[in-house]
Each structure stands twice: as structure tokens, then as C-alpha cells.
């Protein structure tokens, strides 16, 4: 099964919330990949964490993830 990225966020906590929400809606996202070192949240670049789903779920999962991200950012103080 091939996976494709649907969204990229800088905060690992937000990536985890998106993954849980996607799973709750029946999607099959990959778990976020860590940099491999304790205390280093992202060894591979400053852009953040990429959320990936199977290629056949990309269109619908992208819509859900972007809407959820907008809602989370809109509720920030």
C-alpha cells in the first residue's frame, strides 16, 4: 500500500490530534515519524510533521485534515 502526504504541521501534538481524528473518521494514517533522538522533535527539517494516508484516501482525508486544522487554529487565544 502506498502512502501520500496530506498535510504538514509544525507542532507534533497537532499532528497527533489530526491522526487520531482521521482514524476516528475511518481513515488509516501513518504514525508520525520521530527524529530518533530524545529531545529532538524533528531531525529532518523545520517544516514540521507530515501526516500521510493511503493514496486512495488522500482527497477525503485532506478535506477533513484541513478543516480540522482551521478549527484548531481558530480556537487559539
PDB file of N, CA and C in Angstrom:
ATOM      1  N   UNK A   1       0.845  -1.167   0.000  1.00  0.00           N
ATOM      2  CA  UNK A   1       0.000   0.000   0.000  1.00  0.00           C
ATOM      3  C   UNK A   1       0.897   1.239   0.000  1.00  0.00           C
ATOM      4  N   UNK A   2       0.633   2.155  -0.912  1.00  0.00           N
ATOM      5  CA  UNK A   2       1.406   3.398  -0.982  1.00  0.00           C
ATOM      6  C   UNK A   2       0.703   4.486  -0.180  1.00  0.00           C
ATOM      7  N   UNK A   3       1.520   5.296   0.492  1.00  0.00           N
ATOM      8  CA  UNK A   3       1.002   6.402   1.280  1.00  0.00           C
ATOM      9  C   UNK A   3       1.402   7.718   0.630  1.00  0.00           C
ATOM     10  N   UNK A   4       0.588   8.738   0.861  1.00  0.00           N
ATOM     11  CA  UNK A   4       0.864  10.064   0.317  1.00  0.00           C
ATOM     12  C   UNK A   4       0.618  11.102   1.411  1.00  0.00           C
ATOM     13  N   UNK A   5       1.391  12.185   1.413  1.00  0.00           N
ATOM     14  CA  UNK A   5       1.205  13.237   2.413  1.00  0.00           C
ATOM     15  C   UNK A   5      -0.061  14.033   2.129  1.00  0.00           C
ATOM     16  N   UNK A   6      -0.749  14.415   3.213  1.00  0.00           N
ATOM     17  CA  UNK A   6      -1.948  15.243   3.048  1.00  0.00           C
ATOM     18  C   UNK A   6      -1.811  16.609   3.706  1.00  0.00           C
ATOM     19  N   UNK A   7      -0.988  16.689   4.739  1.00  0.00           N
ATOM     20  CA  UNK A   7      -0.838  17.967   5.444  1.00  0.00           C
ATOM     21  C   UNK A   7       0.468  17.927   6.228  1.00  0.00           C
ATOM     22  N   UNK A   8       1.023  19.109   6.472  1.00  0.00           N
ATOM     23  CA  UNK A   8       2.254  19.217   7.243  1.00  0.00           C
ATOM     24  C   UNK A   8       2.051  20.285   8.307  1.00  0.00           C
ATOM     25  N   UNK A   9       2.363  19.951   9.544  1.00  0.00           N
ATOM     26  CA  UNK A   9       2.201  20.888  10.664  1.00  0.00           C
ATOM     27  C   UNK A   9       3.496  20.959  11.451  1.00  0.00           C
ATOM     28  N   UNK A  10       3.735  22.102  12.085  1.00  0.00           N
ATOM     29  CA  UNK A  10       4.978  22.286  12.832  1.00  0.00           C
ATOM     30  C   UNK A  10       4.943  21.651  14.210  1.00  0.00           C
ATOM     31  N   UNK A  11       3.768  21.497  14.778  1.00  0.00           N
ATOM     32  CA  UNK A  11       3.630  21.016  16.143  1.00  0.00           C
ATOM     33  C   UNK A  11       3.285  19.528  16.139  1.00  0.00           C
ATOM     34  N   UNK A  12       4.079  18.723  16.830  1.00  0.00           N
ATOM     35  CA  UNK A  12       3.841  17.286  16.873  1.00  0.00           C
ATOM     36  C   UNK A  12       2.514  16.952  17.553  1.00  0.00           C
ATOM     37  N   UNK A  13       2.120  17.737  18.541  1.00  0.00           N
ATOM     38  CA  UNK A  13       0.852  17.492  19.226  1.00  0.00           C
ATOM     39  C   UNK A  13      -0.322  17.660  18.271  1.00  0.00           C
ATOM     40  N   UNK A  14      -0.263  18.664  17.428  1.00  0.00           N
ATOM     41  CA  UNK A  14      -1.328  18.876  16.446  1.00  0.00           C
ATOM     42  C   UNK A  14      -1.348  17.720  15.450  1.00  0.00           C
ATOM     43  N   UNK A  15      -0.181  17.257  15.039  1.00  0.00           N
ATOM     44  CA  UNK A  15      -0.123  16.113  14.118  1.00  0.00           C
ATOM     45  C   UNK A  15      -0.774  14.890  14.749  1.00  0.00           C
ATOM     46  N   UNK A  16      -0.525  14.665  16.017  1.00  0.00           N
ATOM     47  CA  UNK A  16      -1.120  13.513  16.708  1.00  0.00           C
ATOM     48  C   UNK A  16      -2.642  13.655  16.817  1.00  0.00           C
ATOM     49  N   UNK A  17      -3.133  14.854  17.095  1.00  0.00           N
ATOM     50  CA  UNK A  17      -4.576  15.076  17.163  1.00  0.00           C
ATOM     51  C   UNK A  17      -5.213  14.813  15.799  1.00  0.00           C
ATOM     52  N   UNK A  18      -4.580  15.306  14.737  1.00  0.00           N
ATOM     53  CA  UNK A  18      -5.099  15.071  13.390  1.00  0.00           C
ATOM     54  C   UNK A  18      -5.134  13.579  13.067  1.00  0.00           C
ATOM     55  N   UNK A  19      -4.106  12.850  13.460  1.00  0.00           N
ATOM     56  CA  UNK A  19      -4.052  11.415  13.190  1.00  0.00           C
ATOM     57  C   UNK A  19      -5.172  10.685  13.925  1.00  0.00           C
ATOM     58  N   UNK A  20      -5.391  11.044  15.188  1.00  0.00           N
ATOM     59  CA  UNK A  20      -6.472  10.416  15.954  1.00  0.00           C
ATOM     60  C   UNK A  20      -7.829  10.738  15.324  1.00  0.00           C
ATOM     61  N   UNK A  21      -8.027  11.987  14.930  1.00  0.00           N
ATOM     62  CA  UNK A  21      -9.294  12.374  14.310  1.00  0.00           C
ATOM     63  C   UNK A  21      -9.507  11.659  12.977  1.00  0.00           C
ATOM     64  N   UNK A  22      -8.452  11.539  12.193  1.00  0.00           N
ATOM     65  CA  UNK A  22      -8.564  10.822  10.917  1.00  0.00           C
ATOM     66  C   UNK A  22      -8.942   9.360  11.155  1.00  0.00           C
ATOM     67  N   UNK A  23      -8.314   8.732  12.134  1.00  0.00           N
ATOM     68  CA  UNK A  23      -8.653   7.338  12.454  1.00  0.00           C
ATOM     69  C   UNK A  23     -10.100   7.219  12.922  1.00  0.00           C
ATOM     70  N   UNK A  24     -10.543   8.168  13.719  1.00  0.00           N
ATOM     71  CA  UNK A  24     -11.922   8.142  14.211  1.00  0.00           C
ATOM     72  C   UNK A  24     -12.934   8.257  13.072  1.00  0.00           C
ATOM     73  N   UNK A  25     -12.521   8.866  11.973  1.00  0.00           N
ATOM     74  CA  UNK A  25     -13.400   9.015  10.811  1.00  0.00           C
ATOM     75  C   UNK A  25     -13.188   7.907   9.778  1.00  0.00           C
ATOM     76  N   UNK A  26     -12.427   6.876  10.118  1.00  0.00           N
ATOM     77  CA  UNK A  26     -12.273   5.720   9.255  1.00  0.00           C
ATOM     78  C   UNK A  26     -11.095   5.743   8.305  1.00  0.00           C
ATOM     79  N   UNK A  27     -10.206   6.727   8.442  1.00  0.00           N
ATOM     80  CA  UNK A  27      -9.009   6.776   7.607  1.00  0.00           C
ATOM     81  C   UNK A  27      -7.889   5.977   8.262  1.00  0.00           C
ATOM     82  N   UNK A  28      -6.799   5.780   7.543  1.00  0.00           N
ATOM     83  CA  UNK A  28      -5.706   4.939   8.027  1.00  0.00           C
ATOM     84  C   UNK A  28      -4.357   5.663   7.932  1.00  0.00           C
ATOM     85  N   UNK A  29      -4.169   6.741   8.713  1.00  0.00           N
ATOM     86  CA  UNK A  29      -2.905   7.492   8.647  1.00  0.00           C
ATOM     87  C   UNK A  29      -1.749   6.728   9.298  1.00  0.00           C
ATOM     88  N   UNK A  30      -0.540   7.044   8.833  1.00  0.00           N
ATOM     89  CA  UNK A  30       0.666   6.508   9.463  1.00  0.00           C
ATOM     90  C   UNK A  30       0.936   7.269  10.752  1.00  0.00           C
ATOM     91  N   UNK A  31       1.602   6.606  11.689  1.00  0.00           N
ATOM     92  CA  UNK A  31       2.034   7.296  12.897  1.00  0.00           C
ATOM     93  C   UNK A  31       3.137   8.276  12.529  1.00  0.00           C
ATOM     94  N   UNK A  32       3.231   9.407  13.245  1.00  0.00           N
ATOM     95  CA  UNK A  32       4.292  10.376  12.920  1.00  0.00           C
ATOM     96  C   UNK A  32       5.664   9.767  13.163  1.00  0.00           C
ATOM     97  N   UNK A  33       6.581  10.124  12.304  1.00  0.00           N
ATOM     98  CA  UNK A  33       7.955   9.626  12.446  1.00  0.00           C
ATOM     99  C   UNK A  33       8.758  10.598  13.286  1.00  0.00           C
ATOM    100  N   UNK A  34       9.514  10.046  14.191  1.00  0.00           N
ATOM    101  CA  UNK A  34      10.327  10.867  15.085  1.00  0.00           C
ATOM    102  C   UNK A  34      11.730  11.011  14.520  1.00  0.00           C
ATOM    103  N   UNK A  35      12.458  12.022  15.006  1.00  0.00           N
ATOM    104  CA  UNK A  35      13.829  12.216  14.570  1.00  0.00           C
ATOM    105  C   UNK A  35      14.771  11.147  15.077  1.00  0.00           C
ATOM    106  N   UNK A  36      14.374  10.436  16.129  1.00  0.00           N
ATOM    107  CA  UNK A  36      15.178   9.339  16.615  1.00  0.00           C
ATOM    108  C   UNK A  36      16.013   9.677  17.833  1.00  0.00           C
ATOM    109  N   UNK A  37      16.098  10.952  18.202  1.00  0.00           N
ATOM    110  CA  UNK A  37      16.878  11.346  19.360  1.00  0.00           C
ATOM    111  C   UNK A  37      15.968  11.974  20.403  1.00  0.00           C
ATOM    112  N   UNK A  38      16.145  11.616  21.668  1.00  0.00           N
ATOM    113  CA  UNK A  38      15.324  12.225  22.709  1.00  0.00           C
ATOM    114  C   UNK A  38      15.520  13.737  22.741  1.00  0.00           C
ATOM    115  N   UNK A  39      14.435  14.462  22.847  1.00  0.00           N
ATOM    116  CA  UNK A  39      14.501  15.915  22.914  1.00  0.00           C
ATOM    117  C   UNK A  39      14.627  16.601  21.574  1.00  0.00           C
ATOM    118  N   UNK A  40      14.712  15.844  20.493  1.00  0.00           N
ATOM    119  CA  UNK A  40      14.790  16.422  19.154  1.00  0.00           C
ATOM    120  C   UNK A  40      13.484  16.096  18.445  1.00  0.00           C
ATOM    121  N   UNK A  41      12.560  17.050  18.399  1.00  0.00           N
ATOM    122  CA  UNK A  41      11.243  16.751  17.855  1.00  0.00           C
ATOM    123  C   UNK A  41      11.232  16.458  16.363  1.00  0.00           C
ATOM    124  N   UNK A  42      12.125  17.054  15.599  1.00  0.00           N
ATOM    125  CA  UNK A  42      12.125  16.829  14.163  1.00  0.00           C
ATOM    126  C   UNK A  42      13.536  16.996  13.621  1.00  0.00           C
ATOM    127  N   UNK A  43      14.194  15.894  13.392  1.00  0.00           N
ATOM    128  CA  UNK A  43      15.577  15.906  12.935  1.00  0.00           C
ATOM    129  C   UNK A  43      15.687  16.263  11.456  1.00  0.00           C
ATOM    130  N   UNK A  44      14.607  16.130  10.699  1.00  0.00           N
ATOM    131  CA  UNK A  44      14.683  16.204   9.247  1.00  0.00           C
ATOM    132  C   UNK A  44      14.325  17.549   8.641  1.00  0.00           C
ATOM    133  N   UNK A  45      14.045  18.574   9.427  1.00  0.00           N
ATOM    134  CA  UNK A  45      13.791  19.881   8.858  1.00  0.00           C
ATOM    135  C   UNK A  45      12.823  20.702   9.674  1.00  0.00           C
ATOM    136  N   UNK A  46      12.792  22.007   9.429  1.00  0.00           N
ATOM    137  CA  UNK A  46      11.979  22.920  10.215  1.00  0.00           C
ATOM    138  C   UNK A  46      10.508  22.959   9.804  1.00  0.00           C
ATOM    139  N   UNK A  47      10.143  22.292   8.717  1.00  0.00           N
ATOM    140  CA  UNK A  47       8.772  22.386   8.223  1.00  0.00           C
ATOM    141  C   UNK A  47       7.771  21.629   9.080  1.00  0.00           C
ATOM    142  N   UNK A  48       8.223  20.705   9.872  1.00  0.00           N
ATOM    143  CA  UNK A  48       7.334  20.025  10.794  1.00  0.00           C
ATOM    144  C   UNK A  48       7.038  18.586  10.437  1.00  0.00           C
ATOM    145  N   UNK A  49       5.879  18.138  10.868  1.00  0.00           N
ATOM    146  CA  UNK A  49       5.487  16.745  10.771  1.00  0.00           C
ATOM    147  C   UNK A  49       4.498  16.556   9.628  1.00  0.00           C
ATOM    148  N   UNK A  50       4.726  15.533   8.840  1.00  0.00           N
ATOM    149  CA  UNK A  50       3.864  15.244   7.698  1.00  0.00           C
ATOM    150  C   UNK A  50       2.899  14.132   8.090  1.00  0.00           C
ATOM    151  N   UNK A  51       1.617  14.343   7.804  1.00  0.00           N
ATOM    152  CA  UNK A  51       0.599  13.329   8.029  1.00  0.00           C
ATOM    153  C   UNK A  51       0.346  12.648   6.689  1.00  0.00           C
ATOM    154  N   UNK A  52       0.445  11.323   6.682  1.00  0.00           N
ATOM    155  CA  UNK A  52       0.284  10.557   5.445  1.00  0.00           C
ATOM    156  C   UNK A  52      -0.843   9.546   5.577  1.00  0.00           C
ATOM    157  N   UNK A  53      -1.566   9.338   4.488  1.00  0.00           N
ATOM    158  CA  UNK A  53      -2.638   8.350   4.418  1.00  0.00           C
ATOM    159  C   UNK A  53      -2.462   7.530   3.138  1.00  0.00           C
ATOM    160  N   UNK A  54      -3.141   6.381   3.032  1.00  0.00           N
ATOM    161  CA  UNK A  54      -3.075   5.624   1.773  1.00  0.00           C
ATOM    162  C   UNK A  54      -3.547   6.485   0.599  1.00  0.00           C
ATOM    163  N   UNK A  55      -2.967   6.238  -0.563  1.00  0.00           N
ATOM    164  CA  UNK A  55      -3.261   7.060  -1.739  1.00  0.00           C
ATOM    165  C   UNK A  55      -4.748   7.139  -2.064  1.00  0.00           C
ATOM    166  N   UNK A  56      -5.495   6.057  -1.839  1.00  0.00           N
ATOM    167  CA  UNK A  56      -6.919   6.081  -2.174  1.00  0.00           C
ATOM    168  C   UNK A  56      -7.765   6.892  -1.183  1.00  0.00           C
ATOM    169  N   UNK A  57      -7.172   7.361  -0.096  1.00  0.00           N
ATOM    170  CA  UNK A  57      -7.879   8.167   0.899  1.00  0.00           C
ATOM    171  C   UNK A  57      -7.474   9.639   0.862  1.00  0.00           C
ATOM    172  N   UNK A  58      -6.557  10.002  -0.010  1.00  0.00           N
ATOM    173  CA  UNK A  58      -5.951  11.336   0.014  1.00  0.00           C
ATOM    174  C   UNK A  58      -6.986  12.457  -0.116  1.00  0.00           C
ATOM    175  N   UNK A  59      -7.869  12.394  -1.075  1.00  0.00           N
ATOM    176  CA  UNK A  59      -8.804  13.501  -1.334  1.00  0.00           C
ATOM    177  C   UNK A  59      -9.690  13.790  -0.121  1.00  0.00           C
ATOM    178  N   UNK A  60     -10.355  12.760   0.395  1.00  0.00           N
ATOM    179  CA  UNK A  60     -11.266  12.961   1.521  1.00  0.00           C
ATOM    180  C   UNK A  60     -10.516  13.294   2.812  1.00  0.00           C
ATOM    181  N   UNK A  61      -9.387  12.635   3.044  1.00  0.00           N
ATOM    182  CA  UNK A  61      -8.618  12.889   4.263  1.00  0.00           C
ATOM    183  C   UNK A  61      -8.041  14.301   4.262  1.00  0.00           C
ATOM    184  N   UNK A  62      -7.655  14.802   3.095  1.00  0.00           N
ATOM    185  CA  UNK A  62      -7.130  16.167   3.003  1.00  0.00           C
ATOM    186  C   UNK A  62      -8.194  17.179   3.394  1.00  0.00           C
ATOM    187  N   UNK A  63      -9.411  16.977   2.896  1.00  0.00           N
ATOM    188  CA  UNK A  63     -10.509  17.888   3.255  1.00  0.00           C
ATOM    189  C   UNK A  63     -10.736  17.904   4.761  1.00  0.00           C
ATOM    190  N   UNK A  64     -10.803  16.734   5.361  1.00  0.00           N
ATOM    191  CA  UNK A  64     -11.034  16.646   6.800  1.00  0.00           C
ATOM    192  C   UNK A  64      -9.883  17.272   7.586  1.00  0.00           C
ATOM    193  N   UNK A  65      -8.650  16.935   7.226  1.00  0.00           N
ATOM    194  CA  UNK A  65      -7.491  17.438   7.971  1.00  0.00           C
ATOM    195  C   UNK A  65      -7.379  18.957   7.868  1.00  0.00           C
ATOM    196  N   UNK A  66      -7.606  19.529   6.702  1.00  0.00           N
ATOM    197  CA  UNK A  66      -7.502  20.985   6.575  1.00  0.00           C
ATOM    198  C   UNK A  66      -8.616  21.687   7.347  1.00  0.00           C
ATOM    199  N   UNK A  67      -9.817  21.126   7.329  1.00  0.00           N
ATOM    200  CA  UNK A  67     -10.905  21.721   8.117  1.00  0.00           C
ATOM    201  C   UNK A  67     -10.626  21.633   9.613  1.00  0.00           C
ATOM    202  N   UNK A  68     -10.134  20.495  10.065  1.00  0.00           N
ATOM    203  CA  UNK A  68      -9.802  20.346  11.479  1.00  0.00           C
ATOM    204  C   UNK A  68      -8.696  21.313  11.893  1.00  0.00           C
ATOM    205  N   UNK A  69      -7.689  21.462  11.051  1.00  0.00           N
ATOM    206  CA  UNK A  69      -6.589  22.375  11.352  1.00  0.00           C
ATOM    207  C   UNK A  69      -7.089  23.820  11.435  1.00  0.00           C
ATOM    208  N   UNK A  70      -7.977  24.215  10.531  1.00  0.00           N
ATOM    209  CA  UNK A  70      -8.559  25.556  10.585  1.00  0.00           C
ATOM    210  C   UNK A  70      -9.307  25.766  11.886  1.00  0.00           C
ATOM    211  N   UNK A  71     -10.087  24.758  12.299  1.00  0.00           N
ATOM    212  CA  UNK A  71     -10.830  24.851  13.554  1.00  0.00           C
ATOM    213  C   UNK A  71      -9.888  24.973  14.748  1.00  0.00           C
ATOM    214  N   UNK A  72      -8.811  24.197  14.760  1.00  0.00           N
ATOM    215  CA  UNK A  72      -7.858  24.252  15.873  1.00  0.00           C
ATOM    216  C   UNK A  72      -7.139  25.589  15.927  1.00  0.00           C
ATOM    217  N   UNK A  73      -6.783  26.143  14.783  1.00  0.00           N
ATOM    218  CA  UNK A  73      -6.092  27.424  14.759  1.00  0.00           C
ATOM    219  C   UNK A  73      -7.040  28.565  15.098  1.00  0.00           C
ATOM    220  N   UNK A  74      -8.302  28.430  14.755  1.00  0.00           N
ATOM    221  CA  UNK A  74      -9.281  29.472  15.059  1.00  0.00           C
ATOM    222  C   UNK A  74      -9.621  29.555  16.524  1.00  0.00           C
ATOM    223  N   UNK A  75      -9.402  28.463  17.266  1.00  0.00           N
ATOM    224  CA  UNK A  75      -9.736  28.454  18.694  1.00  0.00           C
ATOM    225  C   UNK A  75      -8.566  28.900  19.554  1.00  0.00           C
ATOM    226  N   UNK A  76      -7.435  29.188  18.951  1.00  0.00           N
ATOM    227  CA  UNK A  76      -6.264  29.609  19.736  1.00  0.00           C
ATOM    228  C   UNK A  76      -6.466  31.034  20.244  1.00  0.00           C
ATOM    229  N   UNK A  77      -6.018  31.308  21.486  1.00  0.00           N
ATOM    230  CA  UNK A  77      -6.198  32.658  22.053  1.00  0.00           C
ATOM    231  C   UNK A  77      -5.301  33.680  21.397  1.00  0.00           C
TER     232      UNK A  77
END
